[in-house]
């Protein structure tokens, strides 16, 4: 069950990173006065969220593969 929780949290982090990245792009591309410094900080934060989400997804996938492999070894 921990695999699924980890994977769901990973996907939530990936979606959150995309939303934050959209917000940063809106800062950079605003027609009135573009806020480049603020946009770069927000984009940098979204990249951290994206990396952590992808890491959780990779870990849960590897754990599920290892669990299936162990089950396959135990069965005759």
Protein backbone atom coordinates (compact mmCIF):
# COMPACT_ATOMS: atom_id res chain seq x y z
CA UNK A 1 0.00 0.00 0.00
CA UNK A 2 2.91 2.38 0.63
CA UNK A 3 3.80 2.14 -3.05
CA UNK A 4 0.52 3.66 -4.08
CA UNK A 5 0.66 6.44 -1.51
CA UNK A 6 4.18 7.32 -2.63
CA UNK A 7 3.15 7.31 -6.27
CA UNK A 8 0.03 9.41 -5.70
CA UNK A 9 2.02 11.97 -3.73
CA UNK A 10 4.60 11.99 -6.54
CA UNK A 11 1.94 12.71 -9.16
CA UNK A 12 0.43 15.43 -6.96
CA UNK A 13 3.86 17.06 -6.71
CA UNK A 14 4.31 16.88 -10.49
CA UNK A 15 0.92 18.56 -11.06
CA UNK A 16 1.73 21.18 -8.42
CA UNK A 17 5.05 21.86 -10.16
CA UNK A 18 3.26 22.41 -13.46
CA UNK A 19 0.81 24.83 -11.81
CA UNK A 20 3.65 26.76 -10.15
CA UNK A 21 5.55 26.81 -13.46
CA UNK A 22 2.46 28.26 -15.16
CA UNK A 23 2.37 30.95 -12.48
CA UNK A 24 6.04 31.76 -13.08
CA UNK A 25 5.49 32.01 -16.82
CA UNK A 26 2.58 34.38 -16.18
CA UNK A 27 4.97 36.55 -14.14
CA UNK A 28 7.52 36.58 -16.94
CA UNK A 29 5.07 37.16 -19.77
CA UNK A 30 2.79 39.71 -18.14
CA UNK A 31 2.07 42.53 -20.57
CA UNK A 32 2.13 45.37 -18.04
CA UNK A 33 5.49 44.97 -16.36
CA UNK A 34 7.25 41.62 -16.60
CA UNK A 35 8.69 40.44 -13.29
CA UNK A 36 11.73 38.50 -14.44
CA UNK A 37 13.41 38.06 -11.05
CA UNK A 38 10.22 36.84 -9.37
CA UNK A 39 9.53 34.54 -12.31
CA UNK A 40 12.99 32.97 -12.09
CA UNK A 41 12.55 32.27 -8.37
CA UNK A 42 9.15 30.70 -8.94
CA UNK A 43 10.42 28.60 -11.87
CA UNK A 44 13.39 27.44 -9.77
CA UNK A 45 10.99 26.36 -7.00
CA UNK A 46 8.80 24.53 -9.49
CA UNK A 47 11.83 22.62 -10.79
CA UNK A 48 12.51 21.45 -7.23
CA UNK A 49 8.92 20.27 -6.90
CA UNK A 50 9.14 18.50 -10.25
CA UNK A 51 12.35 16.69 -9.30
CA UNK A 52 10.94 15.54 -5.98
CA UNK A 53 7.73 14.32 -7.60
CA UNK A 54 9.59 12.37 -10.27
CA UNK A 55 11.86 10.90 -7.60
CA UNK A 56 8.88 9.61 -5.62
CA UNK A 57 7.36 8.10 -8.76
CA UNK A 58 10.65 6.38 -9.63
CA UNK A 59 11.06 5.01 -6.10
CA UNK A 60 7.54 3.60 -5.98
CA UNK A 61 7.92 2.02 -9.41
CA UNK A 62 11.22 0.40 -8.45
CA UNK A 63 9.72 -0.88 -5.19
CA UNK A 64 6.77 -2.44 -7.02
CA UNK A 65 9.12 -4.12 -9.50
CA UNK A 66 11.25 -5.53 -6.66
CA UNK A 67 8.15 -6.80 -4.88
CA UNK A 68 6.91 -8.54 -8.03
CA UNK A 69 10.35 -10.06 -8.59
CA UNK A 70 10.44 -11.44 -5.04
CA UNK A 71 6.98 -12.93 -5.46
CA UNK A 72 8.08 -14.51 -8.71
CA UNK A 73 11.14 -16.07 -7.03
CA UNK A 74 9.09 -17.54 -4.17
CA UNK A 75 6.52 -19.24 -6.39
CA UNK A 76 7.65 -22.65 -7.72
